């Protein structure tokens, strides 16, 4: 599971057809390996009780902070499939849960049928925090620009945009140090969330 994606890299680096998607994916894979080596798998895990009247479940104690991507969702130990819109309709039909139209949200929408099936059971969600996505995006973009600049310019001078990327990488790394346990061998436990509190938070 990648921490970033091709479309985001292209937007940050401001390229379109200079590199193939396969070439960009290689940079993403190398960046993921670096992040896992420094921070471990970096996924966060939360759980809540499934209630008969609730289909929306927040996945973070801080509702204003988004997740980038869902790793998995399970209910009573059974893994649930994400919703896939195959009809062009907004009505959920295939799959058990929906997350932010594919990425970047702070909650999931659970299908009403699954709410009934798993009422009073635990729903568990593992996700990639958006901050790890941002770090991966800037690190991969930095490496990609450096590679392109050396090849096209034939020089080892710094590309103007890399200074900004370096600054962003350092800021995010500092924030990660403050927010998370930074130990590649650390295995995060499950945080139980109070959905009523999160729903009513300002």
C-alpha atoms as a PDB file:
ATOM      1  CA  UNK A   1       0.000   0.000   0.000  1.00  0.00           C
ATOM      2  CA  UNK A   2       1.593   3.231  -1.169  1.00  0.00           C
ATOM      3  CA  UNK A   3       1.704   6.351   1.015  1.00  0.00           C
ATOM      4  CA  UNK A   4       1.266   8.646  -1.974  1.00  0.00           C
ATOM      5  CA  UNK A   5       0.112   8.465  -5.577  1.00  0.00           C
ATOM      6  CA  UNK A   6       1.113   9.352  -9.104  1.00  0.00           C
ATOM      7  CA  UNK A   7      -1.414  12.165  -9.601  1.00  0.00           C
ATOM      8  CA  UNK A   8      -0.248  13.998  -6.468  1.00  0.00           C
ATOM      9  CA  UNK A   9       3.416  13.661  -7.435  1.00  0.00           C
ATOM     10  CA  UNK A  10       2.725  15.067 -10.902  1.00  0.00           C
ATOM     11  CA  UNK A  11       0.927  18.036  -9.371  1.00  0.00           C
ATOM     12  CA  UNK A  12       3.740  18.833  -6.932  1.00  0.00           C
ATOM     13  CA  UNK A  13       6.567  18.337  -9.409  1.00  0.00           C
ATOM     14  CA  UNK A  14       4.576  20.039 -12.185  1.00  0.00           C
ATOM     15  CA  UNK A  15       5.143  17.437 -14.841  1.00  0.00           C
ATOM     16  CA  UNK A  16       2.791  15.723 -17.264  1.00  0.00           C
ATOM     17  CA  UNK A  17       4.477  13.424 -19.769  1.00  0.00           C
ATOM     18  CA  UNK A  18       8.160  13.797 -18.916  1.00  0.00           C
ATOM     19  CA  UNK A  19       8.142  10.487 -17.043  1.00  0.00           C
ATOM     20  CA  UNK A  20       5.970   7.412 -17.393  1.00  0.00           C
ATOM     21  CA  UNK A  21       3.668   6.342 -14.577  1.00  0.00           C
ATOM     22  CA  UNK A  22       5.874   3.274 -14.074  1.00  0.00           C
ATOM     23  CA  UNK A  23       8.941   5.462 -13.572  1.00  0.00           C
ATOM     24  CA  UNK A  24       7.123   7.647 -11.037  1.00  0.00           C
ATOM     25  CA  UNK A  25       5.891   4.533  -9.231  1.00  0.00           C
ATOM     26  CA  UNK A  26       9.518   3.459  -8.749  1.00  0.00           C
ATOM     27  CA  UNK A  27      10.221   6.709  -6.885  1.00  0.00           C
ATOM     28  CA  UNK A  28       7.111   6.162  -4.757  1.00  0.00           C
ATOM     29  CA  UNK A  29       8.195   2.617  -3.902  1.00  0.00           C
ATOM     30  CA  UNK A  30      11.679   3.741  -2.845  1.00  0.00           C
ATOM     31  CA  UNK A  31      10.150   6.483  -0.689  1.00  0.00           C
ATOM     32  CA  UNK A  32       7.771   4.031   0.966  1.00  0.00           C
ATOM     33  CA  UNK A  33      10.725   1.801   1.829  1.00  0.00           C
ATOM     34  CA  UNK A  34      12.541   4.759   3.420  1.00  0.00           C
ATOM     35  CA  UNK A  35       9.496   5.767   5.478  1.00  0.00           C
ATOM     36  CA  UNK A  36       8.864   2.214   6.678  1.00  0.00           C
ATOM     37  CA  UNK A  37      12.545   1.903   7.640  1.00  0.00           C
ATOM     38  CA  UNK A  38      12.308   5.112   9.708  1.00  0.00           C
ATOM     39  CA  UNK A  39       8.759   4.949  11.081  1.00  0.00           C
ATOM     40  CA  UNK A  40       7.503   1.391  10.641  1.00  0.00           C
ATOM     41  CA  UNK A  41       4.248   0.696   8.824  1.00  0.00           C
ATOM     42  CA  UNK A  42       2.862   4.025  10.093  1.00  0.00           C
ATOM     43  CA  UNK A  43      -0.785   2.973  10.052  1.00  0.00           C
ATOM     44  CA  UNK A  44      -3.110   4.003  12.866  1.00  0.00           C
ATOM     45  CA  UNK A  45      -5.834   1.716  14.209  1.00  0.00           C
ATOM     46  CA  UNK A  46      -9.125   2.757  15.791  1.00  0.00           C
ATOM     47  CA  UNK A  47     -12.270   0.939  16.859  1.00  0.00           C
ATOM     48  CA  UNK A  48     -15.831   1.800  17.821  1.00  0.00           C
ATOM     49  CA  UNK A  49     -19.023   0.008  18.720  1.00  0.00           C
ATOM     50  CA  UNK A  50     -21.458  -0.349  15.811  1.00  0.00           C
ATOM     51  CA  UNK A  51     -24.782   1.228  16.739  1.00  0.00           C
ATOM     52  CA  UNK A  52     -28.106   0.539  15.029  1.00  0.00           C
ATOM     53  CA  UNK A  53     -28.783   4.237  14.412  1.00  0.00           C
ATOM     54  CA  UNK A  54     -25.302   5.182  13.191  1.00  0.00           C
ATOM     55  CA  UNK A  55     -23.840   4.766   9.703  1.00  0.00           C
ATOM     56  CA  UNK A  56     -21.074   7.413   9.942  1.00  0.00           C
ATOM     57  CA  UNK A  57     -17.962   6.500  11.952  1.00  0.00           C
ATOM     58  CA  UNK A  58     -15.120   8.903  12.630  1.00  0.00           C
ATOM     59  CA  UNK A  59     -11.638   7.424  12.446  1.00  0.00           C
ATOM     60  CA  UNK A  60      -9.641  10.030  14.341  1.00  0.00           C
ATOM     61  CA  UNK A  61      -9.774  11.585  17.802  1.00  0.00           C
ATOM     62  CA  UNK A  62      -9.217  14.935  16.085  1.00  0.00           C
ATOM     63  CA  UNK A  63     -12.080  15.359  13.590  1.00  0.00           C
ATOM     64  CA  UNK A  64     -10.275  18.145  11.702  1.00  0.00           C
ATOM     65  CA  UNK A  65      -7.346  15.855  10.807  1.00  0.00           C
ATOM     66  CA  UNK A  66      -7.895  13.591   7.829  1.00  0.00           C
ATOM     67  CA  UNK A  67      -6.653  10.174   6.875  1.00  0.00           C
ATOM     68  CA  UNK A  68      -5.142   9.701   3.437  1.00  0.00           C
ATOM     69  CA  UNK A  69      -6.096   6.109   2.739  1.00  0.00           C
ATOM     70  CA  UNK A  70      -7.834   3.186   4.396  1.00  0.00           C
ATOM     71  CA  UNK A  71      -5.732   0.065   4.929  1.00  0.00           C
ATOM     72  CA  UNK A  72      -8.635  -2.104   6.037  1.00  0.00           C
ATOM     73  CA  UNK A  73     -12.023  -2.061   7.757  1.00  0.00           C
ATOM     74  CA  UNK A  74     -13.266  -5.017   9.759  1.00  0.00           C
ATOM     75  CA  UNK A  75     -16.433  -5.720  11.735  1.00  0.00           C
ATOM     76  CA  UNK A  76     -16.453  -8.416  14.403  1.00  0.00           C
ATOM     77  CA  UNK A  77     -13.224  -9.722  12.883  1.00  0.00           C
ATOM     78  CA  UNK A  78     -14.531  -9.940   9.305  1.00  0.00           C
ATOM     79  CA  UNK A  79     -12.878  -7.735   6.682  1.00  0.00           C
ATOM     80  CA  UNK A  80     -15.280  -5.480   4.794  1.00  0.00           C
ATOM     81  CA  UNK A  81     -15.005  -4.550   1.133  1.00  0.00           C
ATOM     82  CA  UNK A  82     -14.868  -0.868   0.118  1.00  0.00           C
ATOM     83  CA  UNK A  83     -17.756   0.538  -1.873  1.00  0.00           C
ATOM     84  CA  UNK A  84     -17.154   0.600  -5.626  1.00  0.00           C
ATOM     85  CA  UNK A  85     -19.450   2.760  -7.729  1.00  0.00           C
ATOM     86  CA  UNK A  86     -20.006   0.839 -10.942  1.00  0.00           C
ATOM     87  CA  UNK A  87     -23.240   2.513 -11.990  1.00  0.00           C
ATOM     88  CA  UNK A  88     -22.382   6.195 -11.765  1.00  0.00           C
ATOM     89  CA  UNK A  89     -24.904   6.488  -8.957  1.00  0.00           C
ATOM     90  CA  UNK A  90     -24.188   7.937  -5.520  1.00  0.00           C
ATOM     91  CA  UNK A  91     -26.232   5.174  -3.911  1.00  0.00           C
ATOM     92  CA  UNK A  92     -24.087   2.579  -2.179  1.00  0.00           C
ATOM     93  CA  UNK A  93     -24.595  -0.764  -3.829  1.00  0.00           C
ATOM     94  CA  UNK A  94     -21.386  -2.791  -4.053  1.00  0.00           C
ATOM     95  CA  UNK A  95     -19.264  -3.032  -0.926  1.00  0.00           C
ATOM     96  CA  UNK A  96     -19.729  -2.297   2.749  1.00  0.00           C
ATOM     97  CA  UNK A  97     -18.168   1.108   3.407  1.00  0.00           C
ATOM     98  CA  UNK A  98     -17.294   4.366   1.678  1.00  0.00           C
ATOM     99  CA  UNK A  99     -14.368   6.636   2.473  1.00  0.00           C
ATOM    100  CA  UNK A 100     -14.104  10.195   1.218  1.00  0.00           C
ATOM    101  CA  UNK A 101     -14.783   9.411  -2.442  1.00  0.00           C
ATOM    102  CA  UNK A 102     -11.567   7.406  -2.458  1.00  0.00           C
ATOM    103  CA  UNK A 103      -9.203   9.378  -0.234  1.00  0.00           C
ATOM    104  CA  UNK A 104      -8.706  12.207   2.301  1.00  0.00           C
ATOM    105  CA  UNK A 105     -11.441  12.163   4.914  1.00  0.00           C
ATOM    106  CA  UNK A 106     -11.905  11.748   8.673  1.00  0.00           C
ATOM    107  CA  UNK A 107     -14.773   9.263   8.629  1.00  0.00           C
ATOM    108  CA  UNK A 108     -16.262   6.278   6.825  1.00  0.00           C
ATOM    109  CA  UNK A 109     -19.849   5.591   5.847  1.00  0.00           C
ATOM    110  CA  UNK A 110     -20.957   2.071   6.703  1.00  0.00           C
ATOM    111  CA  UNK A 111     -23.668   0.407   4.619  1.00  0.00           C
ATOM    112  CA  UNK A 112     -26.969   0.148   6.516  1.00  0.00           C
ATOM    113  CA  UNK A 113     -27.123  -3.588   5.890  1.00  0.00           C
ATOM    114  CA  UNK A 114     -23.772  -4.070   7.616  1.00  0.00           C
ATOM    115  CA  UNK A 115     -24.872  -1.865  10.511  1.00  0.00           C
ATOM    116  CA  UNK A 116     -27.762  -4.284  11.049  1.00  0.00           C
ATOM    117  CA  UNK A 117     -25.577  -7.358  10.588  1.00  0.00           C
ATOM    118  CA  UNK A 118     -22.872  -6.228  13.027  1.00  0.00           C
ATOM    119  CA  UNK A 119     -24.920  -4.214  15.518  1.00  0.00           C
ATOM    120  CA  UNK A 120     -23.176  -3.988  18.928  1.00  0.00           C
ATOM    121  CA  UNK A 121     -19.994  -5.472  17.456  1.00  0.00           C
ATOM    122  CA  UNK A 122     -16.698  -3.612  17.043  1.00  0.00           C
ATOM    123  CA  UNK A 123     -15.742  -1.900  13.814  1.00  0.00           C
ATOM    124  CA  UNK A 124     -11.968  -1.592  13.402  1.00  0.00           C
ATOM    125  CA  UNK A 125     -10.298   0.755  10.928  1.00  0.00           C
ATOM    126  CA  UNK A 126      -6.620   0.927  10.004  1.00  0.00           C
ATOM    127  CA  UNK A 127      -5.552   3.935   7.982  1.00  0.00           C
ATOM    128  CA  UNK A 128      -2.584   5.939   6.725  1.00  0.00           C
ATOM    129  CA  UNK A 129      -2.508   9.373   8.408  1.00  0.00           C
ATOM    130  CA  UNK A 130      -2.465  12.262   5.964  1.00  0.00           C
ATOM    131  CA  UNK A 131       0.750  13.535   7.511  1.00  0.00           C
ATOM    132  CA  UNK A 132       2.549  10.373   6.332  1.00  0.00           C
ATOM    133  CA  UNK A 133       1.075  10.889   2.878  1.00  0.00           C
ATOM    134  CA  UNK A 134       2.427  14.441   2.834  1.00  0.00           C
ATOM    135  CA  UNK A 135       5.870  13.260   3.881  1.00  0.00           C
ATOM    136  CA  UNK A 136       5.921  10.577   1.177  1.00  0.00           C
ATOM    137  CA  UNK A 137       4.710  13.036  -1.439  1.00  0.00           C
ATOM    138  CA  UNK A 138       7.414  15.604  -0.739  1.00  0.00           C
ATOM    139  CA  UNK A 139      10.192  13.029  -0.364  1.00  0.00           C
ATOM    140  CA  UNK A 140       9.326  11.294  -3.646  1.00  0.00           C
ATOM    141  CA  UNK A 141       8.958  14.659  -5.397  1.00  0.00           C
ATOM    142  CA  UNK A 142      12.340  15.800  -4.110  1.00  0.00           C
ATOM    143  CA  UNK A 143      14.074  12.642  -5.353  1.00  0.00           C
ATOM    144  CA  UNK A 144      12.304  12.814  -8.690  1.00  0.00           C
ATOM    145  CA  UNK A 145      13.217  16.460  -9.310  1.00  0.00           C
ATOM    146  CA  UNK A 146      16.818  15.836  -8.308  1.00  0.00           C
ATOM    147  CA  UNK A 147      17.006  12.930 -10.729  1.00  0.00           C
ATOM    148  CA  UNK A 148      15.423  14.865 -13.601  1.00  0.00           C
ATOM    149  CA  UNK A 149      17.552  17.951 -12.970  1.00  0.00           C
ATOM    150  CA  UNK A 150      20.840  16.065 -13.008  1.00  0.00           C
ATOM    151  CA  UNK A 151      19.890  14.224 -16.187  1.00  0.00           C
ATOM    152  CA  UNK A 152      18.518  17.201 -18.114  1.00  0.00           C
ATOM    153  CA  UNK A 153      20.949  19.839 -16.920  1.00  0.00           C
ATOM    154  CA  UNK A 154      23.957  17.578 -16.766  1.00  0.00           C
ATOM    155  CA  UNK A 155      24.978  19.327 -13.562  1.00  0.00           C
ATOM    156  CA  UNK A 156      24.892  18.709  -9.847  1.00  0.00           C
ATOM    157  CA  UNK A 157      23.494  22.104  -8.939  1.00  0.00           C
ATOM    158  CA  UNK A 158      20.299  22.314  -6.927  1.00  0.00           C
ATOM    159  CA  UNK A 159      17.004  22.754  -8.710  1.00  0.00           C
ATOM    160  CA  UNK A 160      15.171  25.879  -7.393  1.00  0.00           C
ATOM    161  CA  UNK A 161      12.138  23.866  -6.208  1.00  0.00           C
ATOM    162  CA  UNK A 162      14.138  21.448  -4.075  1.00  0.00           C
ATOM    163  CA  UNK A 163      14.812  24.098  -1.417  1.00  0.00           C
ATOM    164  CA  UNK A 164      11.062  24.430  -0.812  1.00  0.00           C
ATOM    165  CA  UNK A 165      10.641  20.646  -0.765  1.00  0.00           C
ATOM    166  CA  UNK A 166      13.483  20.263   1.760  1.00  0.00           C
ATOM    167  CA  UNK A 167      11.814  22.793   4.027  1.00  0.00           C
ATOM    168  CA  UNK A 168       8.470  21.017   3.837  1.00  0.00           C
ATOM    169  CA  UNK A 169      10.071  17.622   4.520  1.00  0.00           C
ATOM    170  CA  UNK A 170      11.844  18.972   7.617  1.00  0.00           C
ATOM    171  CA  UNK A 171       8.646  20.605   8.911  1.00  0.00           C
ATOM    172  CA  UNK A 172       6.656  17.395   8.526  1.00  0.00           C
ATOM    173  CA  UNK A 173       9.358  15.250  10.113  1.00  0.00           C
ATOM    174  CA  UNK A 174       9.379  17.597  13.099  1.00  0.00           C
ATOM    175  CA  UNK A 175       5.590  17.389  13.374  1.00  0.00           C
ATOM    176  CA  UNK A 176       5.723  13.590  13.213  1.00  0.00           C
ATOM    177  CA  UNK A 177       8.237  13.562  16.067  1.00  0.00           C
ATOM    178  CA  UNK A 178       5.798  15.616  18.150  1.00  0.00           C
ATOM    179  CA  UNK A 179       2.628  13.730  17.226  1.00  0.00           C
ATOM    180  CA  UNK A 180       3.594  10.064  16.942  1.00  0.00           C
ATOM    181  CA  UNK A 181       5.786   7.468  18.612  1.00  0.00           C
ATOM    182  CA  UNK A 182       8.757   7.354  16.254  1.00  0.00           C
ATOM    183  CA  UNK A 183      10.067   3.812  16.500  1.00  0.00           C
ATOM    184  CA  UNK A 184      10.085   1.476  13.513  1.00  0.00           C
ATOM    185  CA  UNK A 185       9.565  -1.475  15.872  1.00  0.00           C
ATOM    186  CA  UNK A 186       6.615   0.175  17.635  1.00  0.00           C
ATOM    187  CA  UNK A 187       3.281  -1.525  16.993  1.00  0.00           C
ATOM    188  CA  UNK A 188       0.364   0.799  17.511  1.00  0.00           C
ATOM    189  CA  UNK A 189      -2.470  -0.498  19.617  1.00  0.00           C
ATOM    190  CA  UNK A 190      -6.133   0.098  18.869  1.00  0.00           C
ATOM    191  CA  UNK A 191      -7.634   3.388  20.045  1.00  0.00           C
ATOM    192  CA  UNK A 192     -11.316   3.182  20.968  1.00  0.00           C
ATOM    193  CA  UNK A 193     -13.272   6.238  19.881  1.00  0.00           C
ATOM    194  CA  UNK A 194     -16.365   7.839  21.387  1.00  0.00           C
ATOM    195  CA  UNK A 195     -18.492   8.461  18.292  1.00  0.00           C
ATOM    196  CA  UNK A 196     -21.080  10.568  20.153  1.00  0.00           C
ATOM    197  CA  UNK A 197     -18.349  12.919  21.362  1.00  0.00           C
ATOM    198  CA  UNK A 198     -16.747  13.196  17.923  1.00  0.00           C
ATOM    199  CA  UNK A 199     -20.064  13.791  16.188  1.00  0.00           C
ATOM    200  CA  UNK A 200     -20.863  16.686  18.530  1.00  0.00           C
ATOM    201  CA  UNK A 201     -17.372  18.203  18.572  1.00  0.00           C
ATOM    202  CA  UNK A 202     -17.242  21.779  17.271  1.00  0.00           C
END
